C-alpha atoms as a PDB file:
ATOM      1  CA  ALA A   1      73.381 130.698  34.237  1.00  0.00           C
ATOM      2  CA  GLU A   2      73.792 127.365  32.552  1.00  0.00           C
ATOM      3  CA  ASP A   3      73.840 123.801  33.991  1.00  0.00           C
ATOM      4  CA  ALA A   4      76.497 121.130  33.301  1.00  0.00           C
ATOM      5  CA  GLN A   5      75.879 120.574  29.894  1.00  0.00           C
ATOM      6  CA  GLY A   6      76.215 124.003  28.765  1.00  0.00           C
ATOM      7  CA  TRP A   7      72.262 125.013  28.570  1.00  0.00           C
ATOM      8  CA  THR A   8      70.997 128.147  29.555  1.00  0.00           C
ATOM      9  CA  PRO A   9      67.384 128.797  29.867  1.00  0.00           C
ATOM     10  CA  LEU A  10      66.933 130.693  26.162  1.00  0.00           C
ATOM     11  CA  LEU A  11      67.918 126.789  24.687  1.00  0.00           C
ATOM     12  CA  TYR A  12      65.561 124.989  26.338  1.00  0.00           C
ATOM     13  CA  ALA A  13      62.544 127.516  26.309  1.00  0.00           C
ATOM     14  CA  ASP A  14      63.886 127.126  22.408  1.00  0.00           C
ATOM     15  CA  ASN A  15      63.998 123.183  22.467  1.00  0.00           C
ATOM     16  CA  ARG A  16      60.249 123.131  23.779  1.00  0.00           C
ATOM     17  CA  HIS A  17      59.560 125.088  21.354  1.00  0.00           C
ATOM     18  CA  GLU A  18      58.276 127.915  23.754  1.00  0.00           C
ATOM     19  CA  THR A  19      58.332 130.776  21.706  1.00  0.00           C
ATOM     20  CA  ASP A  20      57.144 133.646  24.251  1.00  0.00           C
ATOM     21  CA  CYS A  21      59.212 132.621  26.467  1.00  0.00           C
ATOM     22  CA  VAL A  22      62.067 132.764  23.940  1.00  0.00           C
ATOM     23  CA  LEU A  23      61.087 136.138  22.692  1.00  0.00           C
ATOM     24  CA  SER A  24      60.688 136.885  26.829  1.00  0.00           C
ATOM     25  CA  LEU A  25      64.202 135.988  27.456  1.00  0.00           C
ATOM     26  CA  LEU A  26      65.382 137.910  25.069  1.00  0.00           C
ATOM     27  CA  GLY A  27      63.605 141.368  25.740  1.00  0.00           C
ATOM     28  CA  ALA A  28      64.187 140.937  29.631  1.00  0.00           C
ATOM     29  CA  CYS A  29      68.006 141.188  28.686  1.00  0.00           C
ATOM     30  CA  PRO A  30      68.911 141.225  24.972  1.00  0.00           C
ATOM     31  CA  ASP A  31      72.929 141.875  24.474  1.00  0.00           C
ATOM     32  CA  THR A  32      73.582 139.653  27.734  1.00  0.00           C
ATOM     33  CA  GLN A  33      71.212 136.532  26.112  1.00  0.00           C
ATOM     34  CA  LEU A  34      72.999 137.658  22.448  1.00  0.00           C
ATOM     35  CA  LYS A  35      76.438 137.658  24.190  1.00  0.00           C
ATOM     36  CA  ILE A  36      75.795 133.961  25.987  1.00  0.00           C
ATOM     37  CA  MET A  37      75.190 132.181  22.475  1.00  0.00           C
ATOM     38  CA  GLY A  38      78.376 133.789  21.169  1.00  0.00           C
ATOM     39  CA  SER A  39      79.715 132.651  23.930  1.00  0.00           C
ATOM     40  CA  LEU A  40      78.878 129.054  23.486  1.00  0.00           C
ATOM     41  CA  LEU A  41      78.954 128.473  19.891  1.00  0.00           C
ATOM     42  CA  LYS A  42      83.260 129.505  21.101  1.00  0.00           C
ATOM     43  CA  ARG A  43      83.523 127.300  24.077  1.00  0.00           C
ATOM     44  CA  ASN A  44      80.942 124.736  24.305  1.00  0.00           C
ATOM     45  CA  ALA A  45      80.740 121.797  22.200  1.00  0.00           C
ATOM     46  CA  SER A  46      77.926 119.863  23.822  1.00  0.00           C
ATOM     47  CA  SER A  47      75.201 122.716  23.263  1.00  0.00           C
ATOM     48  CA  LYS A  48      76.463 123.852  20.235  1.00  0.00           C
ATOM     49  CA  LYS A  49      73.924 122.840  18.107  1.00  0.00           C
ATOM     50  CA  GLN A  50      70.825 123.785  20.226  1.00  0.00           C
ATOM     51  CA  THR A  51      72.882 127.292  20.275  1.00  0.00           C
ATOM     52  CA  LEU A  52      73.202 127.460  16.332  1.00  0.00           C
ATOM     53  CA  SER A  53      69.298 126.525  16.440  1.00  0.00           C
ATOM     54  CA  VAL A  54      68.389 129.220  17.648  1.00  0.00           C
ATOM     55  CA  VAL A  55      70.521 131.668  16.592  1.00  0.00           C
ATOM     56  CA  LYS A  56      68.740 130.565  12.560  1.00  0.00           C
ATOM     57  CA  MET A  57      65.881 130.298  14.203  1.00  0.00           C
ATOM     58  CA  LEU A  58      66.018 134.027  14.439  1.00  0.00           C
ATOM     59  CA  ALA A  59      66.742 134.523  10.787  1.00  0.00           C
ATOM     60  CA  THR A  60      63.629 132.683   9.931  1.00  0.00           C
ATOM     61  CA  VAL A  61      60.730 133.455  12.488  1.00  0.00           C
ATOM     62  CA  PRO A  62      59.437 137.596  12.176  1.00  0.00           C
ATOM     63  CA  GLU A  63      59.428 138.569  15.744  1.00  0.00           C
ATOM     64  CA  PHE A  64      62.910 137.299  16.435  1.00  0.00           C
ATOM     65  CA  PHE A  65      64.466 138.512  13.336  1.00  0.00           C
ATOM     66  CA  THR A  66      62.973 141.932  13.646  1.00  0.00           C
ATOM     67  CA  PHE A  67      63.687 141.993  17.297  1.00  0.00           C
ATOM     68  CA  VAL A  68      67.353 141.230  17.068  1.00  0.00           C
ATOM     69  CA  ASN A  69      68.137 143.459  14.094  1.00  0.00           C
ATOM     70  CA  ARG A  70      66.717 146.607  15.763  1.00  0.00           C
ATOM     71  CA  PHE A  71      68.838 145.673  18.620  1.00  0.00           C
ATOM     72  CA  LEU A  72      72.236 145.394  16.388  1.00  0.00           C
ATOM     73  CA  LYS A  73      71.084 148.747  14.890  1.00  0.00           C
ATOM     74  CA  LYS A  74      71.335 150.803  18.176  1.00  0.00           C
ATOM     75  CA  ASN A  75      74.633 148.081  19.094  1.00  0.00           C
ATOM     76  CA  PRO A  76      76.564 148.129  15.394  1.00  0.00           C
ATOM     77  CA  SER A  77      79.719 147.533  17.439  1.00  0.00           C
ATOM     78  CA  LEU A  78      78.871 144.014  19.054  1.00  0.00           C
ATOM     79  CA  LEU A  79      79.402 142.938  15.178  1.00  0.00           C
ATOM     80  CA  ALA A  80      82.828 143.729  14.633  1.00  0.00           C
ATOM     81  CA  ARG A  81      85.783 141.648  14.878  1.00  0.00           C
ATOM     82  CA  GLY A  82      86.341 140.811  18.360  1.00  0.00           C
ATOM     83  CA  GLN A  83      82.958 141.621  19.491  1.00  0.00           C
ATOM     84  CA  PRO A  84      80.444 139.246  21.260  1.00  0.00           C
ATOM     85  CA  LEU A  85      78.628 139.229  18.062  1.00  0.00           C
ATOM     86  CA  HIS A  86      80.547 138.808  15.960  1.00  0.00           C
ATOM     87  CA  PHE A  87      79.067 135.489  14.907  1.00  0.00           C
ATOM     88  CA  MET A  88      76.042 136.845  13.796  1.00  0.00           C
ATOM     89  CA  ARG A  89      77.832 138.111  10.609  1.00  0.00           C
ATOM     90  CA  GLU A  90      78.528 134.235   9.678  1.00  0.00           C
ATOM     91  CA  ILE A  91      74.606 133.170   9.951  1.00  0.00           C
ATOM     92  CA  LYS A  92      72.795 133.842   6.581  1.00  0.00           C
ATOM     93  CA  GLY A  93      69.812 135.541   6.536  1.00  0.00           C
ATOM     94  CA  LEU A  94      69.697 136.526   9.851  1.00  0.00           C
ATOM     95  CA  LEU A  95      70.821 140.819   9.191  1.00  0.00           C
ATOM     96  CA  ASP A  96      68.761 143.024   7.441  1.00  0.00           C
ATOM     97  CA  PHE A  97      70.025 145.258   4.905  1.00  0.00           C
ATOM     98  CA  ASP A  98      70.726 148.139   7.177  1.00  0.00           C
ATOM     99  CA  ASN A  99      73.215 146.071   9.282  1.00  0.00           C
ATOM    100  CA  LYS A 100      74.615 144.793   5.800  1.00  0.00           C
ATOM    101  CA  LYS A 101      75.821 148.254   5.302  1.00  0.00           C
ATOM    102  CA  VAL A 102      77.232 148.338   8.589  1.00  0.00           C
ATOM    103  CA  ILE A 103      78.928 145.336   7.759  1.00  0.00           C
ATOM    104  CA  LEU A 104      80.005 146.076   5.027  1.00  0.00           C
ATOM    105  CA  ARG A 105      81.414 149.322   6.387  1.00  0.00           C
ATOM    106  CA  THR A 106      83.056 147.288   9.234  1.00  0.00           C
ATOM    107  CA  LEU A 107      85.028 145.392   7.106  1.00  0.00           C
ATOM    108  CA  LEU A 108      86.421 147.892   4.910  1.00  0.00           C
ATOM    109  CA  ASP A 109      87.707 149.592   8.400  1.00  0.00           C
ATOM    110  CA  GLU A 110      88.776 146.083   9.597  1.00  0.00           C
ATOM    111  CA  VAL A 111      90.986 146.312   5.769  1.00  0.00           C
ATOM    112  CA  PHE A 112      91.866 149.685   6.116  1.00  0.00           C
ATOM    113  CA  ALA A 113      93.344 148.944   9.886  1.00  0.00           C
ATOM    114  CA  GLU A 114      95.037 146.099   9.023  1.00  0.00           C
ATOM    115  CA  GLU A 115      96.686 147.895   6.038  1.00  0.00           C
ATOM    116  CA  GLU A 116      97.665 150.634   7.917  1.00  0.00           C
ATOM    117  CA  SER A 117      98.839 148.826  10.950  1.00  0.00           C
ATOM    118  CA  ALA A 118     101.279 146.360   8.247  1.00  0.00           C
ATOM    119  CA  ALA A 119     102.496 150.013   6.600  1.00  0.00           C
ATOM    120  CA  VAL A 120     103.278 151.429   9.380  1.00  0.00           C
ATOM    121  CA  GLN A 121     104.906 148.073  10.862  1.00  0.00           C
ATOM    122  CA  GLY A 122     106.755 148.086   7.801  1.00  0.00           C
ATOM    123  CA  ALA A 123     108.231 151.687   7.946  1.00  0.00           C
ATOM    124  CA  LEU A 124     109.558 151.265  11.588  1.00  0.00           C
ATOM    125  CA  ALA A 125     111.309 148.420  10.384  1.00  0.00           C
ATOM    126  CA  ARG A 126     112.835 150.539   8.000  1.00  0.00           C
ATOM    127  CA  GLY A 127     113.205 152.916  10.100  1.00  0.00           C
ATOM    128  CA  TYR A 128     111.140 155.430   8.972  1.00  0.00           C
ATOM    129  CA  LEU A 129     107.396 156.384   8.673  1.00  0.00           C
ATOM    130  CA  GLY A 130     107.380 158.414   5.512  1.00  0.00           C
ATOM    131  CA  ARG A 131     105.478 156.828   2.503  1.00  0.00           C
ATOM    132  CA  ARG A 132     106.159 157.301  -1.172  1.00  0.00           C
ATOM    133  CA  VAL A 133     103.345 159.502  -2.762  1.00  0.00           C
ATOM    134  CA  THR A 134     102.794 158.201  -6.231  1.00  0.00           C
ATOM    135  CA  ARG A 135     101.482 161.140  -8.665  1.00  0.00           C
ATOM    136  CA  CYS A 136      98.525 160.795 -11.042  1.00  0.00           C
ATOM    137  CA  PRO A 137      98.577 162.916 -13.990  1.00  0.00           C
ATOM    138  CA  VAL A 138      95.861 164.255 -15.131  1.00  0.00           C
ATOM    139  CA  VAL A 139      94.171 167.309 -17.519  1.00  0.00           C
ATOM    140  CA  ARG A 140      91.749 169.403 -16.539  1.00  0.00           C
ATOM    141  CA  ARG A 141      89.363 168.913 -19.457  1.00  0.00           C
ATOM    142  CA  GLY A 142      88.585 165.168 -18.462  1.00  0.00           C
ATOM    143  CA  VAL A 143      89.690 164.467 -15.157  1.00  0.00           C
ATOM    144  CA  TRP A 144      87.683 160.817 -14.714  1.00  0.00           C
ATOM    145  CA  ALA A 145      89.076 160.171 -18.223  1.00  0.00           C
ATOM    146  CA  SER A 146      93.125 160.823 -17.545  1.00  0.00           C
ATOM    147  CA  PHE A 147      92.613 158.846 -14.105  1.00  0.00           C
ATOM    148  CA  ARG A 148      91.363 155.507 -16.147  1.00  0.00           C
ATOM    149  CA  ARG A 149      93.483 155.866 -18.357  1.00  0.00           C
ATOM    150  CA  TRP A 150      96.726 156.500 -15.388  1.00  0.00           C
ATOM    151  CA  LEU A 151      95.180 153.528 -14.315  1.00  0.00           C
ATOM    152  CA  ARG A 152      95.558 151.250 -17.782  1.00  0.00           C
ATOM    153  CA  SER A 153      99.402 152.377 -17.723  1.00  0.00           C
ATOM    154  CA  LEU A 154      99.857 150.337 -14.515  1.00  0.00           C
ATOM    155  CA  THR A 155     100.598 146.181 -13.656  1.00  0.00           C
ATOM    156  CA  VAL A 156      98.114 144.836 -11.789  1.00  0.00           C
ATOM    157  CA  ASP A 157     100.704 145.059  -8.878  1.00  0.00           C
ATOM    158  CA  GLN A 158     101.512 148.874  -9.095  1.00  0.00           C
ATOM    159  CA  ILE A 159      97.688 149.717  -9.155  1.00  0.00           C
ATOM    160  CA  VAL A 160      97.631 147.432  -6.102  1.00  0.00           C
ATOM    161  CA  GLN A 161     100.441 148.933  -4.369  1.00  0.00           C
ATOM    162  CA  THR A 162      99.093 152.344  -4.844  1.00  0.00           C
ATOM    163  CA  MET A 163      95.484 151.530  -3.974  1.00  0.00           C
ATOM    164  CA  ARG A 164      97.032 150.871  -0.396  1.00  0.00           C
ATOM    165  CA  GLY A 165      99.610 153.698  -0.737  1.00  0.00           C
ATOM    166  CA  SER A 166      99.117 157.314  -1.506  1.00  0.00           C
ATOM    167  CA  PHE A 167      98.441 158.836  -4.321  1.00  0.00           C
ATOM    168  CA  TRP A 168      97.955 162.596  -5.162  1.00  0.00           C
ATOM    169  CA  ILE A 169      96.095 163.616  -8.487  1.00  0.00           C
ATOM    170  CA  ILE A 170      97.760 167.036  -9.974  1.00  0.00           C
ATOM    171  CA  PHE A 171      97.053 168.801 -13.123  1.00  0.00           C
ATOM    172  CA  SER A 172      99.541 168.738 -16.630  1.00  0.00           C
ATOM    173  CA  GLY A 173     100.653 171.837 -16.538  1.00  0.00           C
ATOM    174  CA  GLU A 174     100.516 173.227 -13.558  1.00  0.00           C
ATOM    175  CA  GLU A 175     102.950 173.486 -10.580  1.00  0.00           C
ATOM    176  CA  GLY A 176     100.490 172.713  -7.597  1.00  0.00           C
ATOM    177  CA  VAL A 177     100.641 169.691  -5.908  1.00  0.00           C
ATOM    178  CA  GLY A 178      99.586 168.069  -2.462  1.00  0.00           C
ATOM    179  CA  PRO A 179      95.963 167.725  -0.497  1.00  0.00           C
ATOM    180  CA  GLY A 180      94.686 170.668  -1.424  1.00  0.00           C
ATOM    181  CA  VAL A 181      94.759 169.555  -5.361  1.00  0.00           C
ATOM    182  CA  ASN A 182      94.116 165.946  -5.062  1.00  0.00           C
ATOM    183  CA  ARG A 183      90.894 167.103  -3.270  1.00  0.00           C
ATOM    184  CA  GLU A 184      89.976 169.622  -6.500  1.00  0.00           C
ATOM    185  CA  GLY A 185      90.595 166.567  -8.825  1.00  0.00           C
ATOM    186  CA  ILE A 186      88.643 163.925  -6.604  1.00  0.00           C
ATOM    187  CA  ASP A 187      85.820 166.890  -6.388  1.00  0.00           C
ATOM    188  CA  ILE A 188      86.340 167.139 -10.360  1.00  0.00           C
ATOM    189  CA  ILE A 189      85.854 163.596 -10.785  1.00  0.00           C
ATOM    190  CA  ARG A 190      82.831 163.303  -8.581  1.00  0.00           C
ATOM    191  CA  ARG A 191      81.007 165.780 -11.039  1.00  0.00           C
ATOM    192  CA  GLU A 192      81.831 164.094 -14.080  1.00  0.00           C
ATOM    193  CA  LEU A 193      80.989 160.521 -12.925  1.00  0.00           C
ATOM    194  CA  VAL A 194      77.405 161.572 -13.113  1.00  0.00           C
ATOM    195  CA  ALA A 195      75.702 162.324 -16.198  1.00  0.00           C
ATOM    196  CA  THR A 196      73.942 165.630 -17.086  1.00  0.00           C
ATOM    197  CA  SER A 197      72.284 164.356 -20.023  1.00  0.00           C
ATOM    198  CA  GLU A 198      70.664 161.064 -21.489  1.00  0.00           C
ATOM    199  CA  HIS A 199      73.826 161.072 -24.415  1.00  0.00           C
ATOM    200  CA  SER A 200      75.940 161.715 -21.289  1.00  0.00           C
ATOM    201  CA  ALA A 201      78.736 158.602 -21.440  1.00  0.00           C
ATOM    202  CA  ALA A 202      79.610 159.175 -17.514  1.00  0.00           C
ATOM    203  CA  PRO A 203      78.944 156.043 -15.602  1.00  0.00           C
ATOM    204  CA  LEU A 204      76.110 157.168 -13.360  1.00  0.00           C
ATOM    205  CA  THR A 205      72.522 158.856 -13.407  1.00  0.00           C
ATOM    206  CA  LEU A 206      70.305 160.671 -10.931  1.00  0.00           C
ATOM    207  CA  ALA A 207      68.149 158.591  -9.504  1.00  0.00           C
ATOM    208  CA  ALA A 208      64.340 159.228  -9.054  1.00  0.00           C
ATOM    209  CA  ASP A 209      64.848 160.182  -5.380  1.00  0.00           C
ATOM    210  CA  GLY A 210      67.135 163.451  -6.693  1.00  0.00           C
ATOM    211  CA  GLU A 211      69.253 161.995  -4.023  1.00  0.00           C
ATOM    212  CA  SER A 212      71.302 158.943  -5.324  1.00  0.00           C
ATOM    213  CA  PHE A 213      72.619 157.389  -8.216  1.00  0.00           C
ATOM    214  CA  LEU A 214      72.069 154.320 -10.314  1.00  0.00           C
ATOM    215  CA  PRO A 215      74.292 153.203 -13.257  1.00  0.00           C
ATOM    216  CA  ASN A 216      73.598 154.877 -16.311  1.00  0.00           C
ATOM    217  CA  THR A 217      71.563 152.264 -18.847  1.00  0.00           C
ATOM    218  CA  ASN A 218      72.174 154.751 -21.487  1.00  0.00           C
ATOM    219  CA  ILE A 219      76.027 153.470 -22.124  1.00  0.00           C
ATOM    220  CA  ARG A 220      76.683 150.035 -23.132  1.00  0.00           C
ATOM    221  CA  GLN A 221      77.603 147.151 -20.593  1.00  0.00           C
ATOM    222  CA  LYS A 222      81.084 146.998 -21.547  1.00  0.00           C
ATOM    223  CA  ALA A 223      81.861 150.141 -21.286  1.00  0.00           C
ATOM    224  CA  LEU A 224      79.690 150.369 -18.063  1.00  0.00           C
ATOM    225  CA  SER A 225      81.681 147.691 -16.301  1.00  0.00           C
ATOM    226  CA  GLY A 226      84.492 149.021 -17.035  1.00  0.00           C
ATOM    227  CA  HIS A 227      83.885 152.019 -15.228  1.00  0.00           C
ATOM    228  CA  PHE A 228      82.536 150.340 -12.169  1.00  0.00           C
ATOM    229  CA  GLU A 229      85.960 148.524 -11.985  1.00  0.00           C
ATOM    230  CA  ASP A 230      87.819 151.952 -12.323  1.00  0.00           C
ATOM    231  CA  LEU A 231      85.467 153.512  -9.723  1.00  0.00           C
ATOM    232  CA  GLY A 232      85.904 150.336  -7.260  1.00  0.00           C
ATOM    233  CA  LEU A 233      88.952 151.419  -7.249  1.00  0.00           C
ATOM    234  CA  LEU A 234      89.108 154.477  -6.407  1.00  0.00           C
ATOM    235  CA  LEU A 235      86.680 154.445  -3.679  1.00  0.00           C
ATOM    236  CA  ALA A 236      88.660 151.821  -2.397  1.00  0.00           C
ATOM    237  CA  HIS A 237      91.451 154.000  -1.977  1.00  0.00           C
ATOM    238  CA  CYS A 238      89.394 157.023  -0.992  1.00  0.00           C
ATOM    239  CA  HIS A 239      88.006 154.851   2.155  1.00  0.00           C
ATOM    240  CA  MET A 240      91.533 153.630   3.397  1.00  0.00           C
ATOM    241  CA  GLN A 241      93.160 157.346   2.928  1.00  0.00           C
ATOM    242  CA  HIS A 242      89.746 158.823   4.396  1.00  0.00           C
ATOM    243  CA  VAL A 243      88.936 160.998   1.130  1.00  0.00           C
ATOM    244  CA  GLU A 244      85.365 161.528   0.684  1.00  0.00           C
ATOM    245  CA  LEU A 245      84.598 161.204  -2.579  1.00  0.00           C
ATOM    246  CA  ASN A 246      80.248 161.522  -1.445  1.00  0.00           C
ATOM    247  CA  ILE A 247      78.652 159.713  -3.835  1.00  0.00           C
ATOM    248  CA  ASN A 248      75.424 157.942  -2.445  1.00  0.00           C
ATOM    249  CA  PHE A 249      74.912 155.194  -4.283  1.00  0.00           C
ATOM    250  CA  SER A 250      70.735 153.925  -4.775  1.00  0.00           C
ATOM    251  CA  VAL A 251      69.221 151.638  -2.602  1.00  0.00           C
ATOM    252  CA  VAL A 252      68.409 149.868  -5.369  1.00  0.00           C
ATOM    253  CA  LEU A 253      71.725 149.061  -6.046  1.00  0.00           C
ATOM    254  CA  MET A 254      73.477 148.685  -2.839  1.00  0.00           C
ATOM    255  CA  LYS A 255      71.020 145.686  -2.627  1.00  0.00           C
ATOM    256  CA  ALA A 256      72.532 144.262  -5.155  1.00  0.00           C
ATOM    257  CA  VAL A 257      75.397 144.359  -4.361  1.00  0.00           C
ATOM    258  CA  LEU A 258      74.958 142.862  -1.279  1.00  0.00           C
ATOM    259  CA  ALA A 259      72.482 140.326  -2.823  1.00  0.00           C
ATOM    260  CA  GLU A 260      69.509 141.661  -1.531  1.00  0.00           C
ATOM    261  CA  ASP A 261      65.767 140.764  -2.531  1.00  0.00           C
ATOM    262  CA  PHE A 262      64.081 144.414  -3.963  1.00  0.00           C
ATOM    263  CA  SER A 263      60.637 145.323  -3.112  1.00  0.00           C
ATOM    264  CA  LEU A 264      58.298 147.380  -4.482  1.00  0.00           C
ATOM    265  CA  ASP A 265      59.031 150.623  -2.144  1.00  0.00           C
ATOM    266  CA  ASP A 266      62.613 150.432  -3.286  1.00  0.00           C
ATOM    267  CA  LEU A 267      61.403 150.801  -6.769  1.00  0.00           C
ATOM    268  CA  GLU A 268      60.083 154.369  -5.665  1.00  0.00           C
ATOM    269  CA  GLY A 269      63.779 155.797  -6.165  1.00  0.00           C
ATOM    270  CA  VAL A 270      63.936 154.698  -9.755  1.00  0.00           C
ATOM    271  CA  ASP A 271      60.560 155.331 -10.940  1.00  0.00           C
ATOM    272  CA  LYS A 272      57.985 157.421  -9.221  1.00  0.00           C
ATOM    273  CA  GLU A 273      55.888 156.769 -11.518  1.00  0.00           C
ATOM    274  CA  LEU A 274      55.674 153.326 -12.367  1.00  0.00           C
ATOM    275  CA  TYR A 275      55.407 153.190  -8.471  1.00  0.00           C
ATOM    276  CA  LYS A 276      53.029 155.246  -7.818  1.00  0.00           C
ATOM    277  CA  ASN A 277      51.072 152.732 -10.546  1.00  0.00           C
ATOM    278  CA  LEU A 278      51.881 149.979  -8.938  1.00  0.00           C
ATOM    279  CA  GLN A 279      50.756 150.853  -5.316  1.00  0.00           C
ATOM    280  CA  TRP A 280      47.643 152.377  -6.938  1.00  0.00           C
ATOM    281  CA  LEU A 281      47.162 148.635  -8.362  1.00  0.00           C
ATOM    282  CA  VAL A 282      48.147 147.049  -5.174  1.00  0.00           C
ATOM    283  CA  GLU A 283      46.333 149.026  -2.943  1.00  0.00           C
ATOM    284  CA  ASP A 284      43.693 151.177  -4.196  1.00  0.00           C
ATOM    285  CA  CYS A 285      42.376 149.395  -7.145  1.00  0.00           C
ATOM    286  CA  ALA A 286      39.578 146.908  -7.051  1.00  0.00           C
ATOM    287  CA  ALA A 287      38.817 143.765  -8.924  1.00  0.00           C
ATOM    288  CA  GLU A 288      36.799 144.263 -11.403  1.00  0.00           C
ATOM    289  CA  ASP A 289      38.787 147.886 -11.994  1.00  0.00           C
ATOM    290  CA  VAL A 290      42.204 145.820 -12.429  1.00  0.00           C
ATOM    291  CA  GLU A 291      39.985 143.722 -15.067  1.00  0.00           C
ATOM    292  CA  GLY A 292      39.406 147.343 -17.165  1.00  0.00           C
ATOM    293  CA  LEU A 293      43.008 147.403 -17.567  1.00  0.00           C
ATOM    294  CA  PHE A 294      42.513 144.821 -20.289  1.00  0.00           C
ATOM    295  CA  GLN A 295      45.642 142.825 -18.836  1.00  0.00           C
ATOM    296  CA  THR A 296      45.968 139.246 -19.540  1.00  0.00           C
ATOM    297  CA  PHE A 297      47.927 137.129 -16.650  1.00  0.00           C
ATOM    298  CA  THR A 298      48.597 133.655 -18.700  1.00  0.00           C
ATOM    299  CA  VAL A 299      51.489 131.234 -19.002  1.00  0.00           C
ATOM    300  CA  SER A 300      52.271 129.628 -22.427  1.00  0.00           C
ATOM    301  CA  GLN A 301      52.937 125.897 -21.830  1.00  0.00           C
ATOM    302  CA  GLY A 302      52.982 123.639 -24.863  1.00  0.00           C
ATOM    303  CA  GLY A 303      51.156 126.602 -27.499  1.00  0.00           C
ATOM    304  CA  THR A 304      48.559 126.950 -24.135  1.00  0.00           C
ATOM    305  CA  GLU A 305      47.542 129.605 -22.637  1.00  0.00           C
ATOM    306  CA  VAL A 306      47.051 129.110 -19.374  1.00  0.00           C
ATOM    307  CA  PRO A 307      45.559 132.022 -16.647  1.00  0.00           C
ATOM    308  CA  LEU A 308      48.154 132.649 -13.746  1.00  0.00           C
ATOM    309  CA  ILE A 309      44.695 133.460 -11.972  1.00  0.00           C
ATOM    310  CA  PRO A 310      42.112 131.146 -12.726  1.00  0.00           C
END
């Protein structure tokens, strides 16, 4: 319910700084309250300012932040385009890391749907639904390197058209062609992307958790950037063509992509021993034991060492 000015009980509670009341209203019927706020933002200018105030507050108050993100995890479809809570995607700091990952997948799905729709409409206009499949010739002894050379042989426009369309990997000197051969090529690329030793030039290395992957810091930054540029194109193509590359990136890498802050717990997937030691310092190490480590915590200012903890 709302009054003549478009204000709901939730807005009045927030305006009067009744935090418990706001939580109570949200908890009683969260989907309805959040949908109402989305509707008010679209159609009611008089209450828009207060509605934005409530939504932005959700990002700063821990109770609200946790509550809203827990609700969205259970109802991720409400964040999709055209859905009542789509507006929450635009509020900075409102969504946690898990929900941002959902948004990323949703955005990719939306791009895929748009591309598919445009392709079908174009095909219908031309009188056919077929799409030319570009062939990507590779050699078995280095499929990833061959794929990258093939990309480099294309112009920017050709790369865009190819990634939006379809291409099949074919092995040079072999007659086989089609989805099965392409799947084999993708599987080989996936294996070649992961370093098998510290001297490997592959762009990915297995993280400390033994399941996810991190950038291989043993190769030069410029070379690593080139690998990831090409890998990004391949990932986008695989997603749009519903081909599984099956690469599980580390949480640390995903947080970097999404510009999320890191936590101490994230270190466990990178260096378990360092994480274990730091966790011990934080939770179990007494103050006198820290002093016994003979570590100094100072900063140099004008040639003078200033203690960070007096």
